[in-house]
Protein backbone atom coordinates (compact mmCIF):
# COMPACT_ATOMS: atom_id res chain seq x y z
CA MET A 1 -41.36 10.97 -99.13
CA ILE A 2 -40.73 13.59 -96.44
CA SER A 3 -40.15 12.03 -93.04
CA PHE A 4 -41.03 13.47 -89.65
CA ALA A 5 -40.85 10.00 -88.07
CA SER A 6 -37.81 10.68 -85.88
CA ASP A 7 -34.84 12.97 -85.33
CA TYR A 8 -32.05 10.53 -86.27
CA LEU A 9 -33.03 9.74 -89.86
CA SER A 10 -30.55 12.06 -91.60
CA GLY A 11 -26.78 11.61 -91.50
CA CYS A 12 -25.12 14.24 -89.34
CA LEU A 13 -24.46 17.93 -89.03
CA PRO A 14 -22.22 19.19 -91.86
CA GLN A 15 -19.62 20.37 -89.36
CA VAL A 16 -19.34 16.86 -87.94
CA LEU A 17 -19.06 15.23 -91.35
CA ALA A 18 -16.37 17.71 -92.40
CA ARG A 19 -14.37 17.02 -89.25
CA LEU A 20 -14.55 13.27 -89.82
CA GLU A 21 -13.43 13.67 -93.41
CA ASP A 22 -10.58 16.03 -92.52
CA THR A 23 -9.16 13.55 -90.00
CA ASN A 24 -9.97 10.38 -91.91
CA ARG A 25 -6.35 9.34 -92.52
CA GLU A 26 -5.14 10.08 -89.01
CA GLN A 27 -4.05 7.17 -86.88
CA THR A 28 -4.87 7.35 -83.19
CA THR A 29 -4.98 5.14 -80.13
CA GLY A 30 -8.11 3.00 -79.94
CA TYR A 31 -10.91 2.35 -77.45
CA GLY A 32 -11.54 5.97 -76.53
CA GLU A 33 -8.01 6.63 -75.29
CA ASP A 34 -7.18 9.01 -78.17
CA HIS A 35 -6.58 12.72 -77.80
CA TYR A 36 -9.87 13.67 -79.50
CA SER A 37 -11.86 11.74 -76.91
CA ALA A 38 -9.81 13.31 -74.12
CA GLU A 39 -10.48 16.79 -75.52
CA ALA A 40 -14.17 15.95 -75.93
CA ARG A 41 -14.43 14.96 -72.28
CA VAL A 42 -12.93 18.27 -71.24
CA ALA A 43 -15.23 20.23 -73.58
CA LEU A 44 -18.35 18.39 -72.43
CA SER A 45 -17.46 18.66 -68.76
CA ARG A 46 -17.06 22.40 -69.26
CA HIS A 47 -20.62 22.70 -70.64
CA LEU A 48 -21.86 20.59 -67.72
CA ALA A 49 -19.84 22.69 -65.25
CA ALA A 50 -18.63 19.37 -63.88
CA PRO A 51 -14.84 19.17 -64.24
CA ASP A 52 -14.71 15.99 -62.17
CA ALA A 53 -17.36 14.11 -64.14
CA ASP A 54 -16.36 10.63 -65.31
CA ILE A 55 -17.36 10.58 -69.01
CA HIS A 56 -17.56 7.63 -71.40
CA PHE A 57 -18.66 7.46 -75.05
CA LEU A 58 -20.88 4.68 -76.37
CA VAL A 59 -22.54 4.16 -79.73
CA GLY A 60 -26.27 4.07 -78.95
CA GLY A 61 -28.92 4.95 -76.41
CA THR A 62 -30.18 1.45 -75.62
CA MET A 63 -26.61 0.27 -75.18
CA ALA A 64 -25.90 3.15 -72.81
CA ASN A 65 -29.08 2.62 -70.78
CA ALA A 66 -28.52 -1.12 -70.44
CA ALA A 67 -24.87 -0.68 -69.48
CA VAL A 68 -25.50 2.02 -66.87
CA ILE A 69 -28.49 0.35 -65.27
CA SER A 70 -26.98 -3.13 -65.05
CA HIS A 71 -23.69 -1.64 -63.80
CA ILE A 72 -25.35 0.19 -60.90
CA LEU A 73 -27.93 -2.37 -59.79
CA ARG A 74 -27.29 -5.40 -57.62
CA PRO A 75 -28.73 -8.70 -58.92
CA HIS A 76 -31.90 -8.54 -56.77
CA GLN A 77 -32.72 -4.92 -57.62
CA GLY A 78 -34.87 -3.23 -60.25
CA VAL A 79 -35.13 0.22 -61.80
CA ILE A 80 -38.08 2.57 -61.27
CA SER A 81 -39.43 4.15 -64.47
CA ALA A 82 -42.55 5.79 -65.82
CA GLU A 83 -44.60 3.19 -67.67
CA THR A 84 -43.96 5.19 -70.84
CA GLY A 85 -40.19 5.33 -70.22
CA HIS A 86 -37.96 4.40 -73.13
CA ILE A 87 -36.46 1.47 -71.24
CA ALA A 88 -39.97 0.12 -70.58
CA VAL A 89 -41.45 0.36 -74.07
CA HIS A 90 -38.82 0.87 -76.76
CA GLU A 91 -35.78 -1.23 -75.87
CA ALA A 92 -36.95 -4.78 -76.61
CA GLY A 93 -36.45 -5.93 -73.03
CA ALA A 94 -32.78 -4.89 -72.93
CA ILE A 95 -32.96 -4.13 -69.23
CA GLU A 96 -34.78 -7.35 -68.40
CA ALA A 97 -32.30 -9.29 -70.51
CA GLY A 98 -29.63 -8.02 -68.13
CA GLY A 99 -31.51 -9.60 -65.25
CA HIS A 100 -33.28 -6.54 -63.86
CA LYS A 101 -36.99 -5.84 -63.60
CA ILE A 102 -38.43 -2.45 -64.54
CA LEU A 103 -40.74 -1.20 -61.79
CA THR A 104 -43.16 1.04 -63.65
CA ILE A 105 -45.31 3.90 -62.40
CA GLU A 106 -48.38 5.10 -64.28
CA THR A 107 -48.26 8.76 -65.34
CA THR A 108 -50.36 11.09 -67.47
CA ASP A 109 -47.50 13.10 -68.95
CA GLY A 110 -44.51 10.74 -68.90
CA LYS A 111 -42.98 12.35 -65.80
CA LEU A 112 -42.17 10.69 -62.48
CA SER A 113 -43.01 12.67 -59.37
CA ALA A 114 -41.14 12.56 -56.09
CA SER A 115 -44.32 11.47 -54.29
CA ALA A 116 -44.94 8.57 -56.69
CA VAL A 117 -41.40 7.27 -56.22
CA GLN A 118 -41.72 7.64 -52.45
CA ALA A 119 -44.99 5.70 -52.49
CA LEU A 120 -43.55 2.83 -54.53
CA VAL A 121 -40.53 2.49 -52.28
CA ASP A 122 -42.60 2.77 -49.12
CA ALA A 123 -44.90 0.02 -50.39
CA HIS A 124 -41.92 -2.25 -50.99
CA TRP A 125 -40.43 -1.83 -47.53
CA ALA A 126 -43.85 -2.14 -45.88
CA ASP A 127 -44.44 -5.51 -47.55
CA PHE A 128 -43.81 -8.32 -45.04
CA ALA A 129 -42.88 -10.52 -48.03
CA ARG A 130 -40.55 -7.94 -49.57
CA GLU A 131 -37.62 -10.34 -49.76
CA HIS A 132 -39.65 -12.33 -52.28
CA THR A 133 -39.97 -9.29 -54.55
CA VAL A 134 -37.65 -7.04 -56.53
CA GLN A 135 -36.03 -4.29 -54.48
CA PRO A 136 -36.03 -0.76 -55.94
CA GLY A 137 -32.41 0.16 -56.59
CA LEU A 138 -32.35 3.01 -59.10
CA VAL A 139 -34.64 5.68 -60.54
CA TYR A 140 -34.72 6.33 -64.30
CA VAL A 141 -36.17 9.37 -66.07
CA SER A 142 -35.61 10.92 -69.46
CA GLN A 143 -35.35 14.59 -70.33
CA PRO A 144 -37.41 15.25 -72.42
CA THR A 145 -39.76 12.37 -71.68
CA GLU A 146 -41.08 9.94 -74.28
CA CYS A 147 -44.17 12.17 -74.38
CA GLY A 148 -42.07 15.20 -75.28
CA THR A 149 -42.73 16.85 -71.93
CA LEU A 150 -40.04 18.55 -69.86
CA TYR A 151 -39.16 18.35 -66.20
CA SER A 152 -38.79 21.72 -64.52
CA LYS A 153 -35.91 22.48 -62.20
CA ASP A 154 -38.22 22.28 -59.18
CA GLU A 155 -39.53 18.87 -60.27
CA LEU A 156 -36.07 17.38 -60.71
CA GLU A 157 -34.80 18.93 -57.49
CA ALA A 158 -37.71 17.42 -55.58
CA LEU A 159 -37.21 14.04 -57.23
CA TYR A 160 -33.47 14.05 -56.57
CA LYS A 161 -33.97 15.06 -52.94
CA THR A 162 -36.32 12.10 -52.51
CA CYS A 163 -33.87 9.76 -54.24
CA GLN A 164 -31.07 10.90 -51.94
CA LYS A 165 -33.28 10.35 -48.89
CA LEU A 166 -34.10 6.85 -50.14
CA ASP A 167 -30.46 6.14 -51.08
CA LEU A 168 -31.45 5.55 -54.72
CA PRO A 169 -29.24 6.89 -57.54
CA LEU A 170 -31.08 9.04 -60.07
CA TYR A 171 -30.24 8.38 -63.72
CA ILE A 172 -31.35 10.81 -66.44
CA ASP A 173 -31.54 9.50 -70.00
CA GLY A 174 -30.61 12.53 -72.11
CA ALA A 175 -30.90 11.04 -75.58
CA ARG A 176 -32.71 14.25 -76.58
CA LEU A 177 -31.20 16.46 -73.90
CA ALA A 178 -30.19 19.10 -76.45
CA TYR A 179 -33.83 19.98 -77.06
CA ALA A 180 -34.48 20.43 -73.35
CA ALA A 181 -31.34 22.50 -72.80
CA ALA A 182 -32.03 24.75 -75.80
CA ASP A 183 -35.72 25.25 -74.99
CA PRO A 184 -36.30 28.90 -74.03
CA THR A 185 -39.22 27.87 -71.81
CA SER A 186 -37.04 25.56 -69.69
CA ASP A 187 -35.40 26.76 -66.48
CA LEU A 188 -32.67 24.09 -66.63
CA THR A 189 -29.31 24.55 -68.31
CA LEU A 190 -26.74 21.84 -69.00
CA ALA A 191 -24.84 23.05 -65.95
CA ASP A 192 -27.82 22.31 -63.69
CA TYR A 193 -27.96 18.56 -64.21
CA ARG A 194 -24.97 17.82 -61.99
CA HIS A 195 -27.06 19.14 -59.08
CA VAL A 196 -30.17 17.04 -59.80
CA SER A 197 -28.80 13.62 -60.81
CA ASP A 198 -26.04 11.11 -60.18
CA VAL A 199 -25.50 10.03 -63.78
CA ILE A 200 -26.77 11.35 -67.08
CA THR A 201 -26.42 10.62 -70.77
CA VAL A 202 -25.87 13.43 -73.24
CA GLY A 203 -27.31 12.23 -76.51
CA GLY A 204 -25.68 12.68 -79.89
CA THR A 205 -27.52 10.21 -82.15
CA LYS A 206 -30.79 12.18 -82.02
CA CYS A 207 -29.03 15.54 -81.79
CA GLY A 208 -26.91 15.82 -84.92
CA LEU A 209 -24.26 13.08 -84.74
CA LEU A 210 -23.92 10.02 -86.92
CA PHE A 211 -24.05 8.05 -83.67
CA GLY A 212 -22.97 8.42 -80.08
CA GLU A 213 -24.10 8.86 -76.47
CA ALA A 214 -21.97 10.27 -73.66
CA VAL A 215 -22.43 8.68 -70.24
CA CYS A 216 -21.55 11.21 -67.54
CA PHE A 217 -21.18 10.05 -63.94
CA PHE A 218 -21.39 12.91 -61.45
CA ASP A 219 -21.12 10.45 -58.57
CA LYS A 220 -17.77 8.87 -59.41
CA ARG A 221 -18.36 6.01 -56.97
CA LEU A 222 -20.98 4.71 -59.40
CA ALA A 223 -18.48 4.89 -62.27
CA ARG A 224 -15.97 2.49 -60.77
CA ASP A 225 -14.97 -0.18 -63.32
CA PHE A 226 -17.51 1.07 -65.87
CA ARG A 227 -15.04 0.54 -68.71
CA TYR A 228 -14.98 -3.14 -67.80
CA LYS A 229 -18.76 -3.14 -68.19
CA MET A 230 -18.51 -1.37 -71.54
CA LYS A 231 -16.06 -3.93 -72.83
CA GLN A 232 -18.04 -6.89 -71.56
CA ASP A 233 -21.21 -5.59 -73.22
CA GLY A 234 -19.51 -4.92 -76.55
CA GLY A 235 -19.82 -1.18 -76.04
CA MET A 236 -16.15 -0.25 -76.20
CA LEU A 237 -15.64 0.91 -79.78
CA ALA A 238 -12.22 0.07 -81.19
CA LYS A 239 -12.30 3.21 -83.33
CA GLY A 240 -13.31 5.23 -80.30
CA ARG A 241 -11.99 8.46 -81.78
CA LEU A 242 -14.98 8.48 -84.13
CA LEU A 243 -17.12 9.09 -81.05
CA GLY A 244 -14.74 11.49 -79.36
CA LEU A 245 -14.24 13.58 -82.47
CA GLN A 246 -17.98 13.95 -83.03
CA PHE A 247 -18.61 15.05 -79.45
CA LEU A 248 -15.66 17.40 -79.58
CA THR A 249 -17.19 19.06 -82.65
CA LEU A 250 -20.47 19.53 -80.78
CA PHE A 251 -19.01 20.90 -77.56
CA GLU A 252 -15.89 22.85 -78.48
CA SER A 253 -18.43 25.52 -79.45
CA ASP A 254 -22.18 25.98 -78.93
CA LEU A 255 -23.11 23.74 -81.86
CA TYR A 256 -25.04 21.32 -79.63
CA LEU A 257 -27.45 24.04 -78.56
CA THR A 258 -27.61 26.07 -81.75
CA ALA A 259 -28.53 23.02 -83.83
CA ALA A 260 -31.21 22.10 -81.30
CA LYS A 261 -32.66 25.61 -81.34
CA GLU A 262 -33.20 25.34 -85.09
CA ALA A 263 -35.07 22.07 -84.60
CA LEU A 264 -37.20 23.64 -81.86
CA GLU A 265 -38.15 26.52 -84.14
CA LYS A 266 -39.30 24.02 -86.77
CA ALA A 267 -41.30 22.14 -84.12
CA ASP A 268 -43.03 25.38 -83.12
CA ARG A 269 -44.00 25.81 -86.74
CA LEU A 270 -45.41 22.26 -86.78
CA ARG A 271 -47.56 23.00 -83.73
CA GLN A 272 -48.81 26.14 -85.39
CA LEU A 273 -49.74 24.30 -88.60
CA PHE A 274 -51.76 21.62 -86.81
CA SER A 275 -53.39 24.14 -84.50
CA GLU A 276 -54.41 26.37 -87.40
CA ALA A 277 -55.89 23.31 -89.11
CA GLY A 278 -58.12 22.76 -86.09
CA PHE A 279 -56.37 19.84 -84.43
CA THR A 280 -55.58 19.41 -80.74
CA PHE A 281 -52.63 17.70 -79.09
CA ALA A 282 -52.24 14.72 -76.77
CA PHE A 283 -49.44 16.41 -74.84
CA GLU A 284 -48.53 20.05 -74.45
CA THR A 285 -44.90 20.06 -75.52
CA THR A 286 -42.24 22.61 -76.32
CA SER A 287 -39.59 20.08 -77.37
CA ASN A 288 -38.90 18.79 -80.89
CA GLN A 289 -41.68 16.20 -80.58
CA VAL A 290 -45.25 17.15 -81.54
CA PHE A 291 -48.24 14.87 -80.81
CA PRO A 292 -51.36 15.93 -82.74
CA ILE A 293 -54.60 13.93 -82.53
CA LEU A 294 -55.76 13.12 -86.06
CA PRO A 295 -58.67 11.20 -87.56
CA ASP A 296 -57.37 7.99 -89.10
CA ASP A 297 -58.51 8.96 -92.59
CA ILE A 298 -56.46 12.16 -92.37
CA CYS A 299 -53.49 10.08 -91.26
CA ALA A 300 -53.93 7.96 -94.38
CA TYR A 301 -54.21 11.09 -96.51
CA LEU A 302 -51.04 12.63 -95.07
CA ARG A 303 -49.09 9.37 -95.38
CA ARG A 304 -49.22 9.75 -99.15
CA GLN A 305 -46.52 12.40 -98.80
CA PHE A 306 -45.18 12.19 -95.25
CA ASP A 307 -43.84 9.60 -92.85
CA PHE A 308 -44.66 9.95 -89.14
CA GLU A 309 -45.20 7.65 -86.19
CA THR A 310 -48.52 6.40 -84.86
CA TRP A 311 -48.27 6.74 -81.09
CA GLN A 312 -51.63 5.56 -79.76
CA ALA A 313 -54.97 4.44 -81.20
CA LEU A 314 -57.99 6.31 -79.80
CA PRO A 315 -61.74 5.69 -79.93
CA ASN A 316 -63.82 7.01 -82.85
CA ASP A 317 -61.18 6.21 -85.49
CA ARG A 318 -58.61 8.68 -84.23
CA SER A 319 -54.94 8.36 -83.37
CA VAL A 320 -52.25 10.21 -81.50
CA VAL A 321 -49.36 10.59 -83.92
CA ARG A 322 -45.84 11.94 -83.46
CA PHE A 323 -44.01 14.37 -85.70
CA CYS A 324 -40.32 15.05 -84.97
CA THR A 325 -37.99 17.78 -86.17
CA SER A 326 -34.19 17.83 -86.26
CA TRP A 327 -31.26 19.85 -87.53
CA SER A 328 -32.10 18.64 -91.06
CA THR A 329 -35.80 19.58 -91.12
CA ALA A 330 -36.09 21.96 -94.05
CA ASP A 331 -38.46 24.90 -94.49
CA GLU A 332 -39.64 23.22 -97.68
CA HIS A 333 -40.76 20.19 -95.65
CA LEU A 334 -42.95 22.40 -93.49
CA GLU A 335 -44.29 24.25 -96.52
CA GLN A 336 -45.30 20.95 -98.09
CA LEU A 337 -47.09 19.91 -94.92
CA ALA A 338 -48.86 23.27 -94.69
CA LYS A 339 -50.01 22.89 -98.28
CA ALA A 340 -51.26 19.35 -97.65
CA LEU A 341 -53.24 20.42 -94.56
CA LYS A 342 -54.81 23.36 -96.36
CA SER A 343 -55.67 21.41 -99.50
CA ARG A 344 -57.07 18.31 -97.81
CA PRO A 345 -60.44 17.24 -99.28
CA GLU A 346 -63.57 18.73 -97.73
CA ARG A 347 -64.56 15.39 -96.20
CA TYR A 348 -61.47 15.64 -93.97
CA HIS A 349 -62.58 18.90 -92.35
CA ALA A 350 -65.22 19.76 -89.75
CA THR A 351 -67.11 16.47 -89.69
CA HIS A 352 -63.98 14.62 -88.66
CA LEU A 353 -62.54 16.99 -86.07
C-alpha cells in the first residue's frame, strides 16, 4: 500500500538518522541543556535572522500548541482561530482541556483576515455583558493552513498590525512551515516571520525529522518561565539532545528547505495528474497538500492501492480528499498513481466527473 495520507509517515531524512547513529553512544547533559541543542538554537536563529529569539524544543505539534497557548493566556481568555484551524479540529480538545476556549471564525480558505479578527474583538468589547464571556487574548494561525493555503506577506503584515493595535499576541503554528518557506510562489522567507508574529513554531515532525517542534519566541516577554510550563506539561524531554541534534542537522545547512522543495515538486506532479484526469480541487494550493474532489466510487477504486485522507463529504456522492507529499515520496509512487488514474474502468470517467 502506497500512502499519501500525511507527511510524517516515514521515519526521517537519511542525514538525520546517520547523525543520530553516529552520536548514539555520546553522553550529554539532559533536558535540552546539551551542546547540540545550544548549537541548534544558534543555527535556527540564524535562518530566522533573529539572534535574540528564545527557542525551545518539544516533541510534537499538539504539545507545542497547548503549551504556548496556555502559557500566554490568562485564565479568562481564549484564542482566536479559523474554524478549520488545527487547534480547533485536530487536537482532541487539547486547548480546551487547558481551560481556554477557542473563538473560531468562519473562513473559505482557512485564512484569518485582519478585518475578521477586528470584528470579533470589537463585538466582544461592545457587548455590555462581556465580563460574562471569554475575552480574546491571542490570535492563532498556521502557515500553511489546514487547507494547504498560504498567507502572503501583505496578509500577515496586516494581521499582525491589527493584533498589535488590539494588544493581542500573534502565534503562528509552523508545523509545515518548511513547505511555505520553500515555495517559490511565496513572498515570505524564514527571516520574515520575526516581523509578522510574536511567537512561531518551526515544525520538524512533518518536515523530515523523527519528531520535534521548535517554539521560537520573538517577543521574549512572552517566553518568561516557559521552561517551567514545558516541565509541568511533560514536554521537557530528558534526552533533549535527540531534539537538538535533529534540528541542528536541519539548520546547520539548507537541508530544511531543500528537502521541502523536493516534496513540493512531487506535490506539483500530483496536481498535474489529477488535473489531467479531469478532476478539480477544493482549494488552490501550492504547498505539499493537494485536495482533489473525487467521486466516492473513484475513491474506493484508488484505495485498493493507495492510502489518503477523506477531508469532507460533498453532495452527489463526492468527497474532498487530501493527498500529501514529503521528503520520502518516491517517483515510483507517483507513477503508480498515474497508471491507476489512466487505467481506471470506463464507468469511472465522464459520467462521474
